[in-house]
PDB file of N, CA and C in Angstrom:
ATOM      1  N   MET A   1      80.826 156.334 219.432  1.00  0.00           N
ATOM      2  CA  MET A   1      80.901 157.288 219.404  1.00  0.00           C
ATOM      3  C   MET A   1      81.318 158.260 218.214  1.00  0.00           C
ATOM      4  N   ILE A   2      80.491 159.445 218.332  1.00  0.00           N
ATOM      5  CA  ILE A   2      80.685 160.012 217.461  1.00  0.00           C
ATOM      6  C   ILE A   2      81.071 161.524 218.117  1.00  0.00           C
ATOM      7  N   GLY A   3      82.053 162.212 217.556  1.00  0.00           N
ATOM      8  CA  GLY A   3      81.864 163.509 218.034  1.00  0.00           C
ATOM      9  C   GLY A   3      83.828 164.512 217.651  1.00  0.00           C
ATOM     10  N   ASP A   4      83.780 165.153 218.446  1.00  0.00           N
ATOM     11  CA  ASP A   4      85.110 165.700 218.368  1.00  0.00           C
ATOM     12  C   ASP A   4      86.223 165.261 218.976  1.00  0.00           C
ATOM     13  N   PHE A   5      87.218 164.341 218.507  1.00  0.00           N
ATOM     14  CA  PHE A   5      88.381 163.512 219.385  1.00  0.00           C
ATOM     15  C   PHE A   5      89.280 164.272 219.822  1.00  0.00           C
ATOM     16  N   ASN A   6      89.554 165.486 219.073  1.00  0.00           N
ATOM     17  CA  ASN A   6      90.911 166.524 218.905  1.00  0.00           C
ATOM     18  C   ASN A   6      92.036 165.703 218.723  1.00  0.00           C
ATOM     19  N   ASP A   7      92.164 164.470 218.225  1.00  0.00           N
ATOM     20  CA  ASP A   7      93.383 164.097 218.015  1.00  0.00           C
ATOM     21  C   ASP A   7      93.010 163.097 216.839  1.00  0.00           C
ATOM     22  N   ILE A   8      94.248 162.735 215.847  1.00  0.00           N
ATOM     23  CA  ILE A   8      94.286 162.019 214.800  1.00  0.00           C
ATOM     24  C   ILE A   8      94.752 160.456 215.013  1.00  0.00           C
ATOM     25  N   LYS A   9      94.668 159.511 214.180  1.00  0.00           N
ATOM     26  CA  LYS A   9      95.588 158.324 214.376  1.00  0.00           C
ATOM     27  C   LYS A   9      96.596 158.340 213.523  1.00  0.00           C
ATOM     28  N   GLY A  10      97.012 159.081 212.689  1.00  0.00           N
ATOM     29  CA  GLY A  10      98.327 159.053 211.960  1.00  0.00           C
ATOM     30  C   GLY A  10      98.296 160.744 210.963  1.00  0.00           C
ATOM     31  N   GLY A  11      99.340 160.569 210.332  1.00  0.00           N
ATOM     32  CA  GLY A  11      99.646 161.806 209.476  1.00  0.00           C
ATOM     33  C   GLY A  11      99.134 162.023 208.153  1.00  0.00           C
ATOM     34  N   GLU A  12      98.541 160.938 207.990  1.00  0.00           N
ATOM     35  CA  GLU A  12      97.425 160.769 206.955  1.00  0.00           C
ATOM     36  C   GLU A  12      96.119 161.700 206.817  1.00  0.00           C
ATOM     37  N   GLU A  13      95.744 161.682 208.233  1.00  0.00           N
ATOM     38  CA  GLU A  13      94.792 162.390 208.732  1.00  0.00           C
ATOM     39  C   GLU A  13      94.469 163.800 208.898  1.00  0.00           C
ATOM     40  N   LYS A  14      95.767 164.496 208.137  1.00  0.00           N
ATOM     41  CA  LYS A  14      95.933 165.789 208.188  1.00  0.00           C
ATOM     42  C   LYS A  14      96.403 166.408 206.802  1.00  0.00           C
ATOM     43  N   GLN A  15      96.475 167.781 206.658  1.00  0.00           N
ATOM     44  CA  GLN A  15      96.655 168.563 205.447  1.00  0.00           C
ATOM     45  C   GLN A  15      97.306 169.395 205.929  1.00  0.00           C
ATOM     46  N   VAL A  16      98.627 169.470 205.747  1.00  0.00           N
ATOM     47  CA  VAL A  16      99.248 170.644 206.119  1.00  0.00           C
ATOM     48  C   VAL A  16      99.738 170.718 207.850  1.00  0.00           C
ATOM     49  N   GLY A  17      99.975 171.771 208.462  1.00  0.00           N
ATOM     50  CA  GLY A  17     100.486 171.689 209.930  1.00  0.00           C
ATOM     51  C   GLY A  17     101.677 171.079 210.196  1.00  0.00           C
ATOM     52  N   ILE A  18     102.118 171.260 211.722  1.00  0.00           N
ATOM     53  CA  ILE A  18     103.081 170.713 212.284  1.00  0.00           C
ATOM     54  C   ILE A  18     103.400 169.310 211.964  1.00  0.00           C
ATOM     55  N   ILE A  19     104.523 168.656 211.682  1.00  0.00           N
ATOM     56  CA  ILE A  19     104.585 167.323 211.477  1.00  0.00           C
ATOM     57  C   ILE A  19     105.155 166.895 212.801  1.00  0.00           C
ATOM     58  N   ARG A  20     104.248 165.606 213.300  1.00  0.00           N
ATOM     59  CA  ARG A  20     104.229 165.038 214.376  1.00  0.00           C
ATOM     60  C   ARG A  20     104.781 163.733 214.140  1.00  0.00           C
ATOM     61  N   SER A  21     105.519 163.075 215.246  1.00  0.00           N
ATOM     62  CA  SER A  21     106.345 161.820 215.349  1.00  0.00           C
ATOM     63  C   SER A  21     105.353 160.863 215.356  1.00  0.00           C
ATOM     64  N   VAL A  22     105.426 159.580 214.820  1.00  0.00           N
ATOM     65  CA  VAL A  22     104.498 158.432 214.336  1.00  0.00           C
ATOM     66  C   VAL A  22     104.354 158.193 216.172  1.00  0.00           C
ATOM     67  N   ALA A  23     105.231 158.168 216.847  1.00  0.00           N
ATOM     68  CA  ALA A  23     104.847 157.772 218.093  1.00  0.00           C
ATOM     69  C   ALA A  23     103.581 158.563 219.084  1.00  0.00           C
ATOM     70  N   SER A  24     103.818 159.744 218.218  1.00  0.00           N
ATOM     71  CA  SER A  24     102.535 160.889 218.851  1.00  0.00           C
ATOM     72  C   SER A  24     101.139 160.424 218.956  1.00  0.00           C
ATOM     73  N   TYR A  25     100.967 159.402 218.016  1.00  0.00           N
ATOM     74  CA  TYR A  25      99.377 159.109 217.608  1.00  0.00           C
ATOM     75  C   TYR A  25      99.385 157.700 218.129  1.00  0.00           C
ATOM     76  N   SER A  26     100.141 157.193 219.005  1.00  0.00           N
ATOM     77  CA  SER A  26     100.082 155.734 219.614  1.00  0.00           C
ATOM     78  C   SER A  26      98.761 156.187 220.638  1.00  0.00           C
ATOM     79  N   LEU A  27      98.856 156.933 221.521  1.00  0.00           N
ATOM     80  CA  LEU A  27      97.533 156.822 222.852  1.00  0.00           C
ATOM     81  C   LEU A  27      96.291 156.928 222.260  1.00  0.00           C
ATOM     82  N   PHE A  28      96.163 157.569 221.236  1.00  0.00           N
ATOM     83  CA  PHE A  28      94.791 157.853 220.517  1.00  0.00           C
ATOM     84  C   PHE A  28      94.356 156.449 219.982  1.00  0.00           C
ATOM     85  N   ARG A  29      95.663 156.074 219.113  1.00  0.00           N
ATOM     86  CA  ARG A  29      95.266 154.372 218.594  1.00  0.00           C
ATOM     87  C   ARG A  29      94.989 153.375 219.784  1.00  0.00           C
ATOM     88  N   ARG A  30      95.902 153.439 220.473  1.00  0.00           N
ATOM     89  CA  ARG A  30      95.778 152.567 221.525  1.00  0.00           C
ATOM     90  C   ARG A  30      94.089 152.660 222.272  1.00  0.00           C
ATOM     91  N   MET A  31      93.957 153.771 222.387  1.00  0.00           N
ATOM     92  CA  MET A  31      92.716 153.803 223.231  1.00  0.00           C
ATOM     93  C   MET A  31      91.370 153.107 222.379  1.00  0.00           C
ATOM     94  N   LEU A  32      91.318 153.751 221.022  1.00  0.00           N
ATOM     95  CA  LEU A  32      90.468 153.216 220.185  1.00  0.00           C
ATOM     96  C   LEU A  32      90.412 151.659 220.131  1.00  0.00           C
ATOM     97  N   SER A  33      91.604 151.099 220.037  1.00  0.00           N
ATOM     98  CA  SER A  33      91.759 149.938 220.466  1.00  0.00           C
ATOM     99  C   SER A  33      91.275 148.909 221.223  1.00  0.00           C
ATOM    100  N   THR A  34      91.608 149.689 222.563  1.00  0.00           N
ATOM    101  CA  THR A  34      91.594 148.855 223.675  1.00  0.00           C
ATOM    102  C   THR A  34      89.849 148.800 223.801  1.00  0.00           C
ATOM    103  N   LEU A  35      89.235 150.099 223.121  1.00  0.00           N
ATOM    104  CA  LEU A  35      87.790 149.824 223.424  1.00  0.00           C
ATOM    105  C   LEU A  35      86.976 148.908 222.446  1.00  0.00           C
ATOM    106  N   GLY A  36      87.895 148.545 221.323  1.00  0.00           N
ATOM    107  CA  GLY A  36      87.240 148.069 220.303  1.00  0.00           C
ATOM    108  C   GLY A  36      86.654 148.646 219.290  1.00  0.00           C
ATOM    109  N   MET A  37      86.908 149.978 219.058  1.00  0.00           N
ATOM    110  CA  MET A  37      86.079 150.952 218.009  1.00  0.00           C
ATOM    111  C   MET A  37      86.838 151.130 216.979  1.00  0.00           C
ATOM    112  N   ASN A  38      86.035 151.013 215.911  1.00  0.00           N
ATOM    113  CA  ASN A  38      86.784 151.003 214.350  1.00  0.00           C
ATOM    114  C   ASN A  38      85.882 152.151 213.828  1.00  0.00           C
ATOM    115  N   ASP A  39      86.480 152.569 212.695  1.00  0.00           N
ATOM    116  CA  ASP A  39      85.740 154.013 212.255  1.00  0.00           C
ATOM    117  C   ASP A  39      84.888 153.593 211.297  1.00  0.00           C
ATOM    118  N   ILE A  40      83.732 154.280 211.439  1.00  0.00           N
ATOM    119  CA  ILE A  40      82.562 154.237 210.200  1.00  0.00           C
ATOM    120  C   ILE A  40      82.745 154.743 209.140  1.00  0.00           C
ATOM    121  N   LYS A  41      82.572 154.350 207.833  1.00  0.00           N
ATOM    122  CA  LYS A  41      82.664 154.627 206.815  1.00  0.00           C
ATOM    123  C   LYS A  41      81.991 156.156 206.706  1.00  0.00           C
ATOM    124  N   SER A  42      82.945 157.298 206.000  1.00  0.00           N
ATOM    125  CA  SER A  42      82.725 158.681 206.035  1.00  0.00           C
ATOM    126  C   SER A  42      82.501 158.928 204.548  1.00  0.00           C
ATOM    127  N   VAL A  43      81.397 159.623 204.232  1.00  0.00           N
ATOM    128  CA  VAL A  43      81.575 160.318 202.796  1.00  0.00           C
ATOM    129  C   VAL A  43      81.200 161.845 202.862  1.00  0.00           C
ATOM    130  N   GLY A  44      81.286 162.583 201.677  1.00  0.00           N
ATOM    131  CA  GLY A  44      81.272 163.850 201.562  1.00  0.00           C
ATOM    132  C   GLY A  44      82.785 164.795 202.163  1.00  0.00           C
ATOM    133  N   GLY A  45      83.624 163.759 201.910  1.00  0.00           N
ATOM    134  CA  GLY A  45      85.091 164.507 202.451  1.00  0.00           C
ATOM    135  C   GLY A  45      85.926 163.795 203.581  1.00  0.00           C
ATOM    136  N   LYS A  46      87.005 164.510 203.339  1.00  0.00           N
ATOM    137  CA  LYS A  46      88.076 163.502 204.040  1.00  0.00           C
ATOM    138  C   LYS A  46      88.131 164.265 205.520  1.00  0.00           C
ATOM    139  N   TYR A  47      88.077 165.764 205.313  1.00  0.00           N
ATOM    140  CA  TYR A  47      88.502 166.331 206.566  1.00  0.00           C
ATOM    141  C   TYR A  47      87.459 167.060 207.283  1.00  0.00           C
ATOM    142  N   PRO A  48      86.660 167.314 208.538  1.00  0.00           N
ATOM    143  CA  PRO A  48      85.926 167.524 209.031  1.00  0.00           C
ATOM    144  C   PRO A  48      86.152 168.744 209.926  1.00  0.00           C
ATOM    145  N   TRP A  49      87.401 169.163 209.952  1.00  0.00           N
ATOM    146  CA  TRP A  49      87.825 170.364 210.648  1.00  0.00           C
ATOM    147  C   TRP A  49      88.853 170.816 209.872  1.00  0.00           C
ATOM    148  N   VAL A  50      88.784 172.362 209.862  1.00  0.00           N
ATOM    149  CA  VAL A  50      89.364 173.506 209.191  1.00  0.00           C
ATOM    150  C   VAL A  50      90.062 174.380 210.088  1.00  0.00           C
ATOM    151  N   GLY A  51      91.499 174.899 209.948  1.00  0.00           N
ATOM    152  CA  GLY A  51      92.103 175.684 211.001  1.00  0.00           C
ATOM    153  C   GLY A  51      92.949 176.557 210.217  1.00  0.00           C
ATOM    154  N   LYS A  52      93.294 177.683 210.723  1.00  0.00           N
ATOM    155  CA  LYS A  52      94.392 178.552 210.400  1.00  0.00           C
ATOM    156  C   LYS A  52      95.612 178.964 211.363  1.00  0.00           C
ATOM    157  N   ILE A  53      96.625 178.573 210.913  1.00  0.00           N
ATOM    158  CA  ILE A  53      98.031 179.137 211.481  1.00  0.00           C
ATOM    159  C   ILE A  53      98.829 180.128 210.516  1.00  0.00           C
ATOM    160  N   SER A  54      99.076 181.108 210.648  1.00  0.00           N
ATOM    161  CA  SER A  54      99.658 182.214 209.975  1.00  0.00           C
ATOM    162  C   SER A  54      98.580 182.097 208.664  1.00  0.00           C
ATOM    163  N   LYS A  55      99.408 182.162 207.555  1.00  0.00           N
ATOM    164  CA  LYS A  55      98.605 182.170 206.210  1.00  0.00           C
ATOM    165  C   LYS A  55      98.249 180.450 205.891  1.00  0.00           C
ATOM    166  N   TYR A  56      98.769 179.833 206.534  1.00  0.00           N
ATOM    167  CA  TYR A  56      98.413 178.437 206.191  1.00  0.00           C
ATOM    168  C   TYR A  56      96.774 177.932 206.913  1.00  0.00           C
ATOM    169  N   THR A  57      96.187 176.853 205.751  1.00  0.00           N
ATOM    170  CA  THR A  57      95.117 176.444 206.000  1.00  0.00           C
ATOM    171  C   THR A  57      95.035 174.894 206.383  1.00  0.00           C
ATOM    172  N   ILE A  58      94.813 174.771 207.841  1.00  0.00           N
ATOM    173  CA  ILE A  58      95.050 173.476 208.260  1.00  0.00           C
ATOM    174  C   ILE A  58      93.933 172.469 208.215  1.00  0.00           C
ATOM    175  N   MET A  59      93.686 171.296 207.203  1.00  0.00           N
ATOM    176  CA  MET A  59      92.687 170.694 207.609  1.00  0.00           C
ATOM    177  C   MET A  59      92.801 169.219 208.055  1.00  0.00           C
ATOM    178  N   SER A  60      92.076 168.654 209.083  1.00  0.00           N
ATOM    179  CA  SER A  60      92.197 167.688 209.600  1.00  0.00           C
ATOM    180  C   SER A  60      91.032 166.330 210.059  1.00  0.00           C
ATOM    181  N   LYS A  61      91.077 165.440 210.351  1.00  0.00           N
ATOM    182  CA  LYS A  61      90.117 164.547 210.889  1.00  0.00           C
ATOM    183  C   LYS A  61      90.280 164.615 212.196  1.00  0.00           C
ATOM    184  N   LEU A  62      89.609 165.734 212.984  1.00  0.00           N
ATOM    185  CA  LEU A  62      89.693 165.241 214.550  1.00  0.00           C
ATOM    186  C   LEU A  62      88.207 165.006 214.644  1.00  0.00           C
ATOM    187  N   ASP A  63      87.016 165.034 214.371  1.00  0.00           N
ATOM    188  CA  ASP A  63      86.059 164.462 214.143  1.00  0.00           C
ATOM    189  C   ASP A  63      85.939 163.173 213.632  1.00  0.00           C
ATOM    190  N   ARG A  64      84.962 162.174 214.199  1.00  0.00           N
ATOM    191  CA  ARG A  64      84.878 160.977 213.388  1.00  0.00           C
ATOM    192  C   ARG A  64      83.553 160.175 214.230  1.00  0.00           C
ATOM    193  N   ALA A  65      83.258 159.169 213.985  1.00  0.00           N
ATOM    194  CA  ALA A  65      82.312 158.246 214.205  1.00  0.00           C
ATOM    195  C   ALA A  65      82.991 157.039 214.054  1.00  0.00           C
ATOM    196  N   THR A  66      82.803 156.370 215.252  1.00  0.00           N
ATOM    197  CA  THR A  66      83.450 155.002 215.568  1.00  0.00           C
ATOM    198  C   THR A  66      82.291 154.090 216.088  1.00  0.00           C
ATOM    199  N   ALA A  67      82.615 152.610 215.812  1.00  0.00           N
ATOM    200  CA  ALA A  67      81.532 151.894 216.390  1.00  0.00           C
ATOM    201  C   ALA A  67      82.464 150.453 216.829  1.00  0.00           C
ATOM    202  N   ASN A  68      81.914 149.507 217.844  1.00  0.00           N
ATOM    203  CA  ASN A  68      82.701 148.214 218.003  1.00  0.00           C
ATOM    204  C   ASN A  68      81.938 147.271 216.996  1.00  0.00           C
ATOM    205  N   CYS A  69      82.471 146.018 216.920  1.00  0.00           N
ATOM    206  CA  CYS A  69      82.123 145.222 215.676  1.00  0.00           C
ATOM    207  C   CYS A  69      80.598 144.648 215.943  1.00  0.00           C
ATOM    208  N   ASP A  70      80.296 144.507 217.020  1.00  0.00           N
ATOM    209  CA  ASP A  70      78.961 144.072 217.300  1.00  0.00           C
ATOM    210  C   ASP A  70      77.855 145.104 216.609  1.00  0.00           C
ATOM    211  N   TRP A  71      78.227 146.568 216.788  1.00  0.00           N
ATOM    212  CA  TRP A  71      77.335 147.724 216.062  1.00  0.00           C
ATOM    213  C   TRP A  71      77.559 147.674 214.529  1.00  0.00           C
ATOM    214  N   ILE A  72      78.689 147.193 214.016  1.00  0.00           N
ATOM    215  CA  ILE A  72      79.002 147.241 212.650  1.00  0.00           C
ATOM    216  C   ILE A  72      78.247 145.988 211.988  1.00  0.00           C
ATOM    217  N   ASP A  73      78.226 145.016 212.834  1.00  0.00           N
ATOM    218  CA  ASP A  73      77.694 143.816 212.289  1.00  0.00           C
ATOM    219  C   ASP A  73      76.129 143.747 212.213  1.00  0.00           C
ATOM    220  N   MET A  74      75.329 144.867 213.086  1.00  0.00           N
ATOM    221  CA  MET A  74      73.958 144.838 213.296  1.00  0.00           C
ATOM    222  C   MET A  74      73.658 146.155 212.161  1.00  0.00           C
ATOM    223  N   TYR A  75      74.612 146.908 211.560  1.00  0.00           N
ATOM    224  CA  TYR A  75      74.747 148.169 210.643  1.00  0.00           C
ATOM    225  C   TYR A  75      76.014 148.059 209.908  1.00  0.00           C
ATOM    226  N   PRO A  76      75.786 146.859 208.802  1.00  0.00           N
ATOM    227  CA  PRO A  76      76.850 147.410 207.838  1.00  0.00           C
ATOM    228  C   PRO A  76      76.991 148.070 207.211  1.00  0.00           C
ATOM    229  N   MET A  77      75.974 148.763 206.770  1.00  0.00           N
ATOM    230  CA  MET A  77      75.816 149.600 205.558  1.00  0.00           C
ATOM    231  C   MET A  77      76.065 151.007 206.079  1.00  0.00           C
ATOM    232  N   ALA A  78      75.979 151.563 207.442  1.00  0.00           N
ATOM    233  CA  ALA A  78      75.911 152.883 208.219  1.00  0.00           C
ATOM    234  C   ALA A  78      77.431 153.489 207.345  1.00  0.00           C
ATOM    235  N   SER A  79      77.094 154.587 207.445  1.00  0.00           N
ATOM    236  CA  SER A  79      77.994 155.451 206.777  1.00  0.00           C
ATOM    237  C   SER A  79      77.919 157.050 208.005  1.00  0.00           C
ATOM    238  N   VAL A  80      78.732 157.895 207.643  1.00  0.00           N
ATOM    239  CA  VAL A  80      78.706 159.113 208.200  1.00  0.00           C
ATOM    240  C   VAL A  80      78.855 160.269 207.358  1.00  0.00           C
ATOM    241  N   THR A  81      77.939 160.888 207.036  1.00  0.00           N
ATOM    242  CA  THR A  81      78.150 162.285 205.757  1.00  0.00           C
ATOM    243  C   THR A  81      78.907 163.380 206.493  1.00  0.00           C
ATOM    244  N   LEU A  82      79.704 164.118 206.201  1.00  0.00           N
ATOM    245  CA  LEU A  82      80.145 165.512 206.356  1.00  0.00           C
ATOM    246  C   LEU A  82      79.380 166.320 205.790  1.00  0.00           C
ATOM    247  N   LEU A  83      78.786 167.224 206.685  1.00  0.00           N
ATOM    248  CA  LEU A  83      77.986 168.242 206.037  1.00  0.00           C
ATOM    249  C   LEU A  83      78.859 169.361 205.996  1.00  0.00           C
ATOM    250  N   PRO A  84      78.206 170.385 205.116  1.00  0.00           N
ATOM    251  CA  PRO A  84      78.930 171.788 204.868  1.00  0.00           C
ATOM    252  C   PRO A  84      79.284 172.307 206.056  1.00  0.00           C
ATOM    253  N   TRP A  85      80.172 173.402 206.144  1.00  0.00           N
ATOM    254  CA  TRP A  85      80.433 173.928 207.232  1.00  0.00           C
ATOM    255  C   TRP A  85      79.420 175.015 207.648  1.00  0.00           C
ATOM    256  N   ILE A  86      78.889 175.566 208.395  1.00  0.00           N
ATOM    257  CA  ILE A  86      78.126 176.243 208.743  1.00  0.00           C
ATOM    258  C   ILE A  86      78.226 176.859 210.086  1.00  0.00           C
ATOM    259  N   GLY A  87      78.905 177.965 210.162  1.00  0.00           N
ATOM    260  CA  GLY A  87      78.871 178.864 211.347  1.00  0.00           C
ATOM    261  C   GLY A  87      80.249 178.121 212.669  1.00  0.00           C
ATOM    262  N   SER A  88      81.034 177.360 211.729  1.00  0.00           N
ATOM    263  CA  SER A  88      81.765 176.556 212.815  1.00  0.00           C
ATOM    264  C   SER A  88      83.430 176.168 212.187  1.00  0.00           C
ATOM    265  N   ASP A  89      84.320 176.102 212.521  1.00  0.00           N
ATOM    266  CA  ASP A  89      85.416 175.072 211.854  1.00  0.00           C
ATOM    267  C   ASP A  89      85.276 174.002 211.708  1.00  0.00           C
ATOM    268  N   HIS A  90      84.253 173.094 212.563  1.00  0.00           N
ATOM    269  CA  HIS A  90      83.957 171.343 212.491  1.00  0.00           C
ATOM    270  C   HIS A  90      82.967 171.479 211.574  1.00  0.00           C
ATOM    271  N   ARG A  91      82.793 170.679 210.432  1.00  0.00           N
ATOM    272  CA  ARG A  91      82.002 170.189 209.935  1.00  0.00           C
ATOM    273  C   ARG A  91      80.498 169.235 210.496  1.00  0.00           C
ATOM    274  N   PRO A  92      79.294 169.302 210.545  1.00  0.00           N
ATOM    275  CA  PRO A  92      78.422 168.397 211.302  1.00  0.00           C
ATOM    276  C   PRO A  92      78.727 167.114 210.399  1.00  0.00           C
ATOM    277  N   LEU A  93      78.520 166.170 211.269  1.00  0.00           N
ATOM    278  CA  LEU A  93      78.552 164.544 211.056  1.00  0.00           C
ATOM    279  C   LEU A  93      77.374 164.251 210.977  1.00  0.00           C
ATOM    280  N   LEU A  94      76.762 163.740 209.883  1.00  0.00           N
ATOM    281  CA  LEU A  94      75.524 163.079 209.698  1.00  0.00           C
ATOM    282  C   LEU A  94      75.440 161.774 209.749  1.00  0.00           C
ATOM    283  N   LEU A  95      74.919 160.637 211.280  1.00  0.00           N
ATOM    284  CA  LEU A  95      75.268 159.210 210.748  1.00  0.00           C
ATOM    285  C   LEU A  95      73.614 158.508 209.844  1.00  0.00           C
ATOM    286  N   ASN A  96      74.370 157.658 209.246  1.00  0.00           N
ATOM    287  CA  ASN A  96      72.802 157.126 208.288  1.00  0.00           C
ATOM    288  C   ASN A  96      73.457 155.805 208.382  1.00  0.00           C
ATOM    289  N   THR A  97      71.891 155.062 208.957  1.00  0.00           N
ATOM    290  CA  THR A  97      72.124 153.761 208.990  1.00  0.00           C
ATOM    291  C   THR A  97      70.678 153.032 207.951  1.00  0.00           C
ATOM    292  N   LYS A  98      70.311 153.651 206.998  1.00  0.00           N
ATOM    293  CA  LYS A  98      69.210 153.360 206.388  1.00  0.00           C
ATOM    294  C   LYS A  98      69.792 152.510 204.994  1.00  0.00           C
ATOM    295  N   GLY A  99      69.147 151.479 204.563  1.00  0.00           N
ATOM    296  CA  GLY A  99      69.761 150.549 203.687  1.00  0.00           C
ATOM    297  C   GLY A  99      70.291 149.604 204.460  1.00  0.00           C
ATOM    298  N   ASN A 100      70.107 149.073 205.490  1.00  0.00           N
ATOM    299  CA  ASN A 100      70.451 148.068 206.223  1.00  0.00           C
ATOM    300  C   ASN A 100      69.647 147.118 206.495  1.00  0.00           C
ATOM    301  N   ASN A 101      69.977 145.814 206.187  1.00  0.00           N
ATOM    302  CA  ASN A 101      68.836 144.508 206.843  1.00  0.00           C
ATOM    303  C   ASN A 101      68.708 144.546 207.804  1.00  0.00           C
ATOM    304  N   TRP A 102      67.480 144.758 208.560  1.00  0.00           N
ATOM    305  CA  TRP A 102      67.148 144.400 209.737  1.00  0.00           C
ATOM    306  C   TRP A 102      66.518 143.505 209.942  1.00  0.00           C
ATOM    307  N   LYS A 103      67.007 142.714 211.237  1.00  0.00           N
ATOM    308  CA  LYS A 103      66.678 141.679 211.389  1.00  0.00           C
ATOM    309  C   LYS A 103      65.305 141.413 212.463  1.00  0.00           C
ATOM    310  N   LYS A 104      64.562 141.290 211.993  1.00  0.00           N
ATOM    311  CA  LYS A 104      62.989 141.320 212.811  1.00  0.00           C
ATOM    312  C   LYS A 104      63.050 140.397 213.335  1.00  0.00           C
ATOM    313  N   SER A 105      62.674 140.243 214.920  1.00  0.00           N
ATOM    314  CA  SER A 105      62.530 139.254 215.889  1.00  0.00           C
ATOM    315  C   SER A 105      60.978 138.738 215.713  1.00  0.00           C
ATOM    316  N   LYS A 106      60.970 137.544 215.883  1.00  0.00           N
ATOM    317  CA  LYS A 106      59.476 136.964 215.785  1.00  0.00           C
ATOM    318  C   LYS A 106      58.896 137.496 217.226  1.00  0.00           C
ATOM    319  N   LEU A 107      57.545 138.005 216.972  1.00  0.00           N
ATOM    320  CA  LEU A 107      56.699 138.455 218.011  1.00  0.00           C
ATOM    321  C   LEU A 107      56.400 137.732 218.832  1.00  0.00           C
ATOM    322  N   PHE A 108      57.093 138.458 220.156  1.00  0.00           N
ATOM    323  CA  PHE A 108      56.483 137.298 221.612  1.00  0.00           C
ATOM    324  C   PHE A 108      55.163 137.455 221.996  1.00  0.00           C
ATOM    325  N   ARG A 109      54.687 136.351 222.203  1.00  0.00           N
ATOM    326  CA  ARG A 109      53.182 135.716 222.769  1.00  0.00           C
ATOM    327  C   ARG A 109      53.418 135.050 223.641  1.00  0.00           C
ATOM    328  N   TYR A 110      52.591 135.488 224.942  1.00  0.00           N
ATOM    329  CA  TYR A 110      52.740 134.837 225.968  1.00  0.00           C
ATOM    330  C   TYR A 110      51.658 133.701 225.949  1.00  0.00           C
ATOM    331  N   ASP A 111      50.860 133.396 225.351  1.00  0.00           N
ATOM    332  CA  ASP A 111      50.014 132.199 224.948  1.00  0.00           C
ATOM    333  C   ASP A 111      50.051 132.056 223.597  1.00  0.00           C
ATOM    334  N   SER A 112      50.249 130.981 222.902  1.00  0.00           N
ATOM    335  CA  SER A 112      50.395 131.123 221.673  1.00  0.00           C
ATOM    336  C   SER A 112      48.891 130.279 220.889  1.00  0.00           C
ATOM    337  N   ARG A 113      48.132 130.140 221.749  1.00  0.00           N
ATOM    338  CA  ARG A 113      47.311 129.101 221.248  1.00  0.00           C
ATOM    339  C   ARG A 113      46.069 129.755 219.909  1.00  0.00           C
TER     340      ARG A 113
END
């Protein structure tokens, strides 16, 4: 799953802004855990979203790419690149699966004579 989840897993995924209780992150964490989803490694920055409250700039990891263990096993070198902001307060995420060792299956032939 890739996109704007509009929530974060903990205070370390936000810079500045209102301090939330540790318990307030539990619903999002539980949802990801129930689905067996883990973050795909991201490069090019830590915060894909930026906003302003009064004079303060808030940066947060509202956008992310996640995958289950089976997908991560198939694409162990996968990464997500945070691209530059272009006309939005969200940075585009680019999923890269290159560099993975693809397992080619044997070509199926109905009659092997």
